[in-house]
PDB file of N, CA and C in Angstrom:
ATOM      1  N   MET A   1      -7.896  20.579  13.046  1.00  0.00           N
ATOM      2  CA  MET A   1      -8.458  21.847  12.192  1.00  0.00           C
ATOM      3  C   MET A   1      -8.377  23.277  13.078  1.00  0.00           C
ATOM      4  N   LYS A   2      -7.673  24.336  12.839  1.00  0.00           N
ATOM      5  CA  LYS A   2      -7.166  25.507  13.454  1.00  0.00           C
ATOM      6  C   LYS A   2      -7.974  26.284  12.972  1.00  0.00           C
ATOM      7  N   THR A   3      -9.070  27.424  13.657  1.00  0.00           N
ATOM      8  CA  THR A   3      -9.824  28.417  12.800  1.00  0.00           C
ATOM      9  C   THR A   3      -9.624  29.631  13.570  1.00  0.00           C
ATOM     10  N   LEU A   4      -9.833  30.446  13.072  1.00  0.00           N
ATOM     11  CA  LEU A   4      -9.541  31.965  13.332  1.00  0.00           C
ATOM     12  C   LEU A   4      -9.788  32.469  14.844  1.00  0.00           C
ATOM     13  N   ARG A   5     -11.037  31.762  15.100  1.00  0.00           N
ATOM     14  CA  ARG A   5     -10.886  31.788  16.422  1.00  0.00           C
ATOM     15  C   ARG A   5     -10.076  31.557  17.469  1.00  0.00           C
ATOM     16  N   ASP A   6      -9.509  30.487  17.011  1.00  0.00           N
ATOM     17  CA  ASP A   6      -8.427  30.179  17.990  1.00  0.00           C
ATOM     18  C   ASP A   6      -7.213  30.709  18.385  1.00  0.00           C
ATOM     19  N   VAL A   7      -6.933  31.803  17.274  1.00  0.00           N
ATOM     20  CA  VAL A   7      -5.310  32.793  16.979  1.00  0.00           C
ATOM     21  C   VAL A   7      -5.496  33.522  18.134  1.00  0.00           C
ATOM     22  N   SER A   8      -4.462  33.662  18.757  1.00  0.00           N
ATOM     23  CA  SER A   8      -4.223  34.516  19.458  1.00  0.00           C
ATOM     24  C   SER A   8      -4.095  36.273  19.218  1.00  0.00           C
ATOM     25  N   ILE A   9      -4.468  36.993  20.289  1.00  0.00           N
ATOM     26  CA  ILE A   9      -4.179  38.391  19.667  1.00  0.00           C
ATOM     27  C   ILE A   9      -2.510  38.671  19.396  1.00  0.00           C
ATOM     28  N   GLY A  10      -2.123  39.463  18.614  1.00  0.00           N
ATOM     29  CA  GLY A  10      -0.770  39.993  18.053  1.00  0.00           C
ATOM     30  C   GLY A  10      -0.576  38.837  17.355  1.00  0.00           C
ATOM     31  N   LYS A  11      -1.242  37.957  16.523  1.00  0.00           N
ATOM     32  CA  LYS A  11      -1.077  36.751  15.837  1.00  0.00           C
ATOM     33  C   LYS A  11      -1.149  37.004  14.355  1.00  0.00           C
ATOM     34  N   THR A  12      -0.402  36.739  13.725  1.00  0.00           N
ATOM     35  CA  THR A  12      -0.756  36.929  11.708  1.00  0.00           C
ATOM     36  C   THR A  12      -0.358  34.997  11.418  1.00  0.00           C
ATOM     37  N   VAL A  13      -1.736  34.942  10.905  1.00  0.00           N
ATOM     38  CA  VAL A  13      -2.024  33.583  10.121  1.00  0.00           C
ATOM     39  C   VAL A  13      -2.509  33.900   8.244  1.00  0.00           C
ATOM     40  N   ARG A  14      -2.595  32.708   7.698  1.00  0.00           N
ATOM     41  CA  ARG A  14      -2.401  32.884   6.432  1.00  0.00           C
ATOM     42  C   ARG A  14      -3.844  32.288   6.158  1.00  0.00           C
ATOM     43  N   VAL A  15      -4.952  32.360   5.381  1.00  0.00           N
ATOM     44  CA  VAL A  15      -6.240  31.608   5.483  1.00  0.00           C
ATOM     45  C   VAL A  15      -6.234  29.997   4.114  1.00  0.00           C
ATOM     46  N   ILE A  16      -6.306  29.486   4.982  1.00  0.00           N
ATOM     47  CA  ILE A  16      -6.311  27.845   4.146  1.00  0.00           C
ATOM     48  C   ILE A  16      -7.894  27.364   3.359  1.00  0.00           C
ATOM     49  N   LYS A  17      -8.809  28.147   3.973  1.00  0.00           N
ATOM     50  CA  LYS A  17     -10.190  27.490   3.813  1.00  0.00           C
ATOM     51  C   LYS A  17     -11.528  28.541   3.993  1.00  0.00           C
ATOM     52  N   VAL A  18     -12.573  28.733   3.747  1.00  0.00           N
ATOM     53  CA  VAL A  18     -13.626  29.050   4.187  1.00  0.00           C
ATOM     54  C   VAL A  18     -14.215  28.299   3.910  1.00  0.00           C
ATOM     55  N   HIS A  19     -15.266  27.829   5.156  1.00  0.00           N
ATOM     56  CA  HIS A  19     -16.159  26.485   4.888  1.00  0.00           C
ATOM     57  C   HIS A  19     -17.303  27.272   5.071  1.00  0.00           C
ATOM     58  N   GLY A  20     -18.672  26.414   5.048  1.00  0.00           N
ATOM     59  CA  GLY A  20     -19.996  26.919   5.049  1.00  0.00           C
ATOM     60  C   GLY A  20     -20.195  26.861   3.935  1.00  0.00           C
ATOM     61  N   GLU A  21     -21.694  27.260   3.324  1.00  0.00           N
ATOM     62  CA  GLU A  21     -22.522  27.512   2.049  1.00  0.00           C
ATOM     63  C   GLU A  21     -22.922  28.977   1.759  1.00  0.00           C
ATOM     64  N   GLY A  22     -23.429  28.804   0.847  1.00  0.00           N
ATOM     65  CA  GLY A  22     -24.144  29.407   0.196  1.00  0.00           C
ATOM     66  C   GLY A  22     -24.053  30.798   0.531  1.00  0.00           C
ATOM     67  N   ALA A  23     -24.977  31.831   1.119  1.00  0.00           N
ATOM     68  CA  ALA A  23     -25.045  33.473   1.289  1.00  0.00           C
ATOM     69  C   ALA A  23     -24.119  33.545   2.268  1.00  0.00           C
ATOM     70  N   LEU A  24     -23.876  32.709   3.492  1.00  0.00           N
ATOM     71  CA  LEU A  24     -23.012  33.063   4.394  1.00  0.00           C
ATOM     72  C   LEU A  24     -21.421  33.040   3.986  1.00  0.00           C
ATOM     73  N   ARG A  25     -20.847  32.071   3.346  1.00  0.00           N
ATOM     74  CA  ARG A  25     -19.493  31.746   2.980  1.00  0.00           C
ATOM     75  C   ARG A  25     -19.476  32.759   2.020  1.00  0.00           C
ATOM     76  N   ARG A  26     -20.291  33.579   1.146  1.00  0.00           N
ATOM     77  CA  ARG A  26     -19.821  34.748   0.307  1.00  0.00           C
ATOM     78  C   ARG A  26     -19.698  35.812   0.851  1.00  0.00           C
ATOM     79  N   ARG A  27     -20.925  35.640   2.273  1.00  0.00           N
ATOM     80  CA  ARG A  27     -20.611  37.187   2.676  1.00  0.00           C
ATOM     81  C   ARG A  27     -19.595  37.487   3.454  1.00  0.00           C
ATOM     82  N   ILE A  28     -18.462  35.994   3.591  1.00  0.00           N
ATOM     83  CA  ILE A  28     -17.229  36.215   4.679  1.00  0.00           C
ATOM     84  C   ILE A  28     -16.211  36.684   3.151  1.00  0.00           C
ATOM     85  N   MET A  29     -16.277  36.000   2.635  1.00  0.00           N
ATOM     86  CA  MET A  29     -15.362  36.257   1.135  1.00  0.00           C
ATOM     87  C   MET A  29     -15.806  37.485   0.645  1.00  0.00           C
ATOM     88  N   ASP A  30     -16.595  38.185   0.359  1.00  0.00           N
ATOM     89  CA  ASP A  30     -16.605  39.453  -0.014  1.00  0.00           C
ATOM     90  C   ASP A  30     -16.303  40.723   1.003  1.00  0.00           C
ATOM     91  N   MET A  31     -15.762  39.951   2.582  1.00  0.00           N
ATOM     92  CA  MET A  31     -15.368  41.183   3.252  1.00  0.00           C
ATOM     93  C   MET A  31     -13.744  40.619   3.019  1.00  0.00           C
ATOM     94  N   GLY A  32     -13.406  40.673   2.111  1.00  0.00           N
ATOM     95  CA  GLY A  32     -12.017  40.207   1.945  1.00  0.00           C
ATOM     96  C   GLY A  32     -11.101  38.920   2.496  1.00  0.00           C
ATOM     97  N   ILE A  33     -12.276  37.912   2.746  1.00  0.00           N
ATOM     98  CA  ILE A  33     -11.399  36.682   3.826  1.00  0.00           C
ATOM     99  C   ILE A  33     -11.759  35.639   2.370  1.00  0.00           C
ATOM    100  N   THR A  34     -10.413  35.644   1.758  1.00  0.00           N
ATOM    101  CA  THR A  34     -10.290  34.474   0.825  1.00  0.00           C
ATOM    102  C   THR A  34      -8.705  33.649   1.034  1.00  0.00           C
ATOM    103  N   ARG A  35      -8.831  32.471   0.227  1.00  0.00           N
ATOM    104  CA  ARG A  35      -7.831  31.678   0.595  1.00  0.00           C
ATOM    105  C   ARG A  35      -6.562  32.008  -0.143  1.00  0.00           C
ATOM    106  N   GLY A  36      -5.304  32.265   1.092  1.00  0.00           N
ATOM    107  CA  GLY A  36      -4.178  32.525   0.953  1.00  0.00           C
ATOM    108  C   GLY A  36      -3.816  33.876   1.227  1.00  0.00           C
ATOM    109  N   VAL A  37      -5.196  34.803   1.847  1.00  0.00           N
ATOM    110  CA  VAL A  37      -4.826  36.411   2.476  1.00  0.00           C
ATOM    111  C   VAL A  37      -4.035  36.103   3.907  1.00  0.00           C
ATOM    112  N   GLU A  38      -3.402  37.342   4.346  1.00  0.00           N
ATOM    113  CA  GLU A  38      -3.212  37.277   5.844  1.00  0.00           C
ATOM    114  C   GLU A  38      -4.032  37.838   6.312  1.00  0.00           C
ATOM    115  N   ILE A  39      -4.226  37.307   8.014  1.00  0.00           N
ATOM    116  CA  ILE A  39      -5.125  38.141   9.012  1.00  0.00           C
ATOM    117  C   ILE A  39      -4.306  38.217   9.802  1.00  0.00           C
ATOM    118  N   TYR A  40      -4.314  39.642  10.488  1.00  0.00           N
ATOM    119  CA  TYR A  40      -3.640  39.669  11.589  1.00  0.00           C
ATOM    120  C   TYR A  40      -4.991  39.744  12.623  1.00  0.00           C
ATOM    121  N   VAL A  41      -4.607  39.408  13.645  1.00  0.00           N
ATOM    122  CA  VAL A  41      -5.863  39.528  15.054  1.00  0.00           C
ATOM    123  C   VAL A  41      -5.347  40.504  15.918  1.00  0.00           C
ATOM    124  N   ARG A  42      -6.134  41.975  16.023  1.00  0.00           N
ATOM    125  CA  ARG A  42      -5.783  43.292  16.858  1.00  0.00           C
ATOM    126  C   ARG A  42      -6.009  43.155  17.939  1.00  0.00           C
ATOM    127  N   LYS A  43      -7.157  42.529  18.034  1.00  0.00           N
ATOM    128  CA  LYS A  43      -8.104  42.349  19.649  1.00  0.00           C
ATOM    129  C   LYS A  43      -9.320  41.505  19.659  1.00  0.00           C
ATOM    130  N   VAL A  44      -9.695  41.282  20.857  1.00  0.00           N
ATOM    131  CA  VAL A  44     -11.195  40.372  21.262  1.00  0.00           C
ATOM    132  C   VAL A  44     -11.934  41.319  22.193  1.00  0.00           C
ATOM    133  N   ALA A  45     -12.837  41.340  21.554  1.00  0.00           N
ATOM    134  CA  ALA A  45     -13.553  41.643  22.802  1.00  0.00           C
ATOM    135  C   ALA A  45     -14.057  41.068  24.414  1.00  0.00           C
ATOM    136  N   PRO A  46     -14.037  42.043  25.497  1.00  0.00           N
ATOM    137  CA  PRO A  46     -14.158  41.094  26.918  1.00  0.00           C
ATOM    138  C   PRO A  46     -14.591  40.302  26.794  1.00  0.00           C
ATOM    139  N   LEU A  47     -15.431  40.068  26.478  1.00  0.00           N
ATOM    140  CA  LEU A  47     -16.723  38.784  26.115  1.00  0.00           C
ATOM    141  C   LEU A  47     -16.153  37.490  25.226  1.00  0.00           C
ATOM    142  N   GLY A  48     -15.258  38.331  24.584  1.00  0.00           N
ATOM    143  CA  GLY A  48     -15.032  37.266  23.558  1.00  0.00           C
ATOM    144  C   GLY A  48     -15.498  37.407  21.932  1.00  0.00           C
ATOM    145  N   ASP A  49     -16.171  38.321  21.960  1.00  0.00           N
ATOM    146  CA  ASP A  49     -17.466  38.555  20.742  1.00  0.00           C
ATOM    147  C   ASP A  49     -17.469  40.085  20.539  1.00  0.00           C
ATOM    148  N   PRO A  50     -17.155  40.789  19.465  1.00  0.00           N
ATOM    149  CA  PRO A  50     -16.204  40.079  18.815  1.00  0.00           C
ATOM    150  C   PRO A  50     -15.015  39.870  18.047  1.00  0.00           C
ATOM    151  N   ILE A  51     -14.595  39.434  17.303  1.00  0.00           N
ATOM    152  CA  ILE A  51     -12.493  39.944  17.127  1.00  0.00           C
ATOM    153  C   ILE A  51     -12.505  40.832  16.058  1.00  0.00           C
ATOM    154  N   GLU A  52     -11.319  41.702  16.279  1.00  0.00           N
ATOM    155  CA  GLU A  52     -11.117  42.395  15.418  1.00  0.00           C
ATOM    156  C   GLU A  52      -9.897  42.243  14.599  1.00  0.00           C
ATOM    157  N   VAL A  53      -9.904  42.157  13.100  1.00  0.00           N
ATOM    158  CA  VAL A  53      -8.564  41.741  12.460  1.00  0.00           C
ATOM    159  C   VAL A  53      -8.187  42.671  11.381  1.00  0.00           C
ATOM    160  N   MET A  54      -7.252  42.669  11.347  1.00  0.00           N
ATOM    161  CA  MET A  54      -6.630  43.268   9.938  1.00  0.00           C
ATOM    162  C   MET A  54      -6.652  42.436   8.703  1.00  0.00           C
ATOM    163  N   VAL A  55      -7.337  43.082   7.459  1.00  0.00           N
ATOM    164  CA  VAL A  55      -7.121  42.069   6.745  1.00  0.00           C
ATOM    165  C   VAL A  55      -7.058  42.729   5.080  1.00  0.00           C
ATOM    166  N   ARG A  56      -6.350  43.068   4.143  1.00  0.00           N
ATOM    167  CA  ARG A  56      -6.158  43.548   3.141  1.00  0.00           C
ATOM    168  C   ARG A  56      -5.940  44.795   3.619  1.00  0.00           C
ATOM    169  N   GLY A  57      -5.056  45.237   4.574  1.00  0.00           N
ATOM    170  CA  GLY A  57      -5.052  46.743   5.153  1.00  0.00           C
ATOM    171  C   GLY A  57      -6.349  47.747   5.326  1.00  0.00           C
ATOM    172  N   TYR A  58      -7.116  46.869   6.013  1.00  0.00           N
ATOM    173  CA  TYR A  58      -8.575  47.493   6.923  1.00  0.00           C
ATOM    174  C   TYR A  58      -9.278  46.822   7.604  1.00  0.00           C
ATOM    175  N   GLU A  59      -9.533  47.418   8.891  1.00  0.00           N
ATOM    176  CA  GLU A  59     -10.228  46.746  10.252  1.00  0.00           C
ATOM    177  C   GLU A  59     -11.281  46.505   9.956  1.00  0.00           C
ATOM    178  N   LEU A  60     -11.729  44.426  10.616  1.00  0.00           N
ATOM    179  CA  LEU A  60     -13.055  44.378  10.115  1.00  0.00           C
ATOM    180  C   LEU A  60     -13.520  43.173  11.620  1.00  0.00           C
ATOM    181  N   SER A  61     -14.353  43.650  12.239  1.00  0.00           N
ATOM    182  CA  SER A  61     -14.811  42.870  13.168  1.00  0.00           C
ATOM    183  C   SER A  61     -15.380  41.603  12.805  1.00  0.00           C
ATOM    184  N   LEU A  62     -15.277  40.413  13.556  1.00  0.00           N
ATOM    185  CA  LEU A  62     -16.151  38.934  12.964  1.00  0.00           C
ATOM    186  C   LEU A  62     -16.908  38.604  14.236  1.00  0.00           C
ATOM    187  N   ARG A  63     -18.100  38.229  13.919  1.00  0.00           N
ATOM    188  CA  ARG A  63     -18.551  37.537  15.374  1.00  0.00           C
ATOM    189  C   ARG A  63     -17.913  35.932  15.494  1.00  0.00           C
ATOM    190  N   LYS A  64     -17.688  35.450  16.462  1.00  0.00           N
ATOM    191  CA  LYS A  64     -16.947  34.188  16.863  1.00  0.00           C
ATOM    192  C   LYS A  64     -17.570  33.163  15.754  1.00  0.00           C
ATOM    193  N   VAL A  65     -18.743  33.379  15.340  1.00  0.00           N
ATOM    194  CA  VAL A  65     -19.279  31.998  14.966  1.00  0.00           C
ATOM    195  C   VAL A  65     -18.744  32.333  13.151  1.00  0.00           C
ATOM    196  N   ASP A  66     -18.702  33.374  12.423  1.00  0.00           N
ATOM    197  CA  ASP A  66     -17.986  33.268  11.354  1.00  0.00           C
ATOM    198  C   ASP A  66     -16.463  32.877  11.249  1.00  0.00           C
ATOM    199  N   ALA A  67     -16.056  33.526  12.592  1.00  0.00           N
ATOM    200  CA  ALA A  67     -14.477  33.526  12.495  1.00  0.00           C
ATOM    201  C   ALA A  67     -14.388  31.798  12.695  1.00  0.00           C
ATOM    202  N   GLU A  68     -15.188  31.025  13.206  1.00  0.00           N
ATOM    203  CA  GLU A  68     -15.007  29.482  13.376  1.00  0.00           C
ATOM    204  C   GLU A  68     -15.236  28.437  11.707  1.00  0.00           C
ATOM    205  N   MET A  69     -15.812  29.746  10.808  1.00  0.00           N
ATOM    206  CA  MET A  69     -15.857  28.732   9.144  1.00  0.00           C
ATOM    207  C   MET A  69     -14.412  29.199   8.590  1.00  0.00           C
ATOM    208  N   VAL A  70     -13.504  30.192   8.967  1.00  0.00           N
ATOM    209  CA  VAL A  70     -12.442  30.484   8.628  1.00  0.00           C
ATOM    210  C   VAL A  70     -11.111  29.728   9.267  1.00  0.00           C
ATOM    211  N   GLU A  71     -10.453  28.305   8.205  1.00  0.00           N
ATOM    212  CA  GLU A  71      -9.660  27.523   8.565  1.00  0.00           C
ATOM    213  C   GLU A  71      -7.998  28.267   8.438  1.00  0.00           C
ATOM    214  N   VAL A  72      -7.367  28.520   9.225  1.00  0.00           N
ATOM    215  CA  VAL A  72      -5.995  29.118   9.015  1.00  0.00           C
ATOM    216  C   VAL A  72      -5.197  28.258   9.269  1.00  0.00           C
ATOM    217  N   GLU A  73      -3.718  28.349   9.204  1.00  0.00           N
ATOM    218  CA  GLU A  73      -2.319  27.837   9.394  1.00  0.00           C
ATOM    219  C   GLU A  73      -1.672  28.931  10.174  1.00  0.00           C
TER     220      GLU A  73
END
């Protein structure tokens, strides 16, 4: 399983599934990360956390823990 955390800078991927339960899963989905949406990885902070991505035309920063919950292809 490949997650958003594993994606290299400059790559575009498509979301297969958002894992997790309850409020945490809902928070990720409320940010616009849902099944089928394309995500472009813009940059990663020097220490690897957070990850900056483009989703639905806007920039979003995600913690590594949250990025691991997003399965991509």
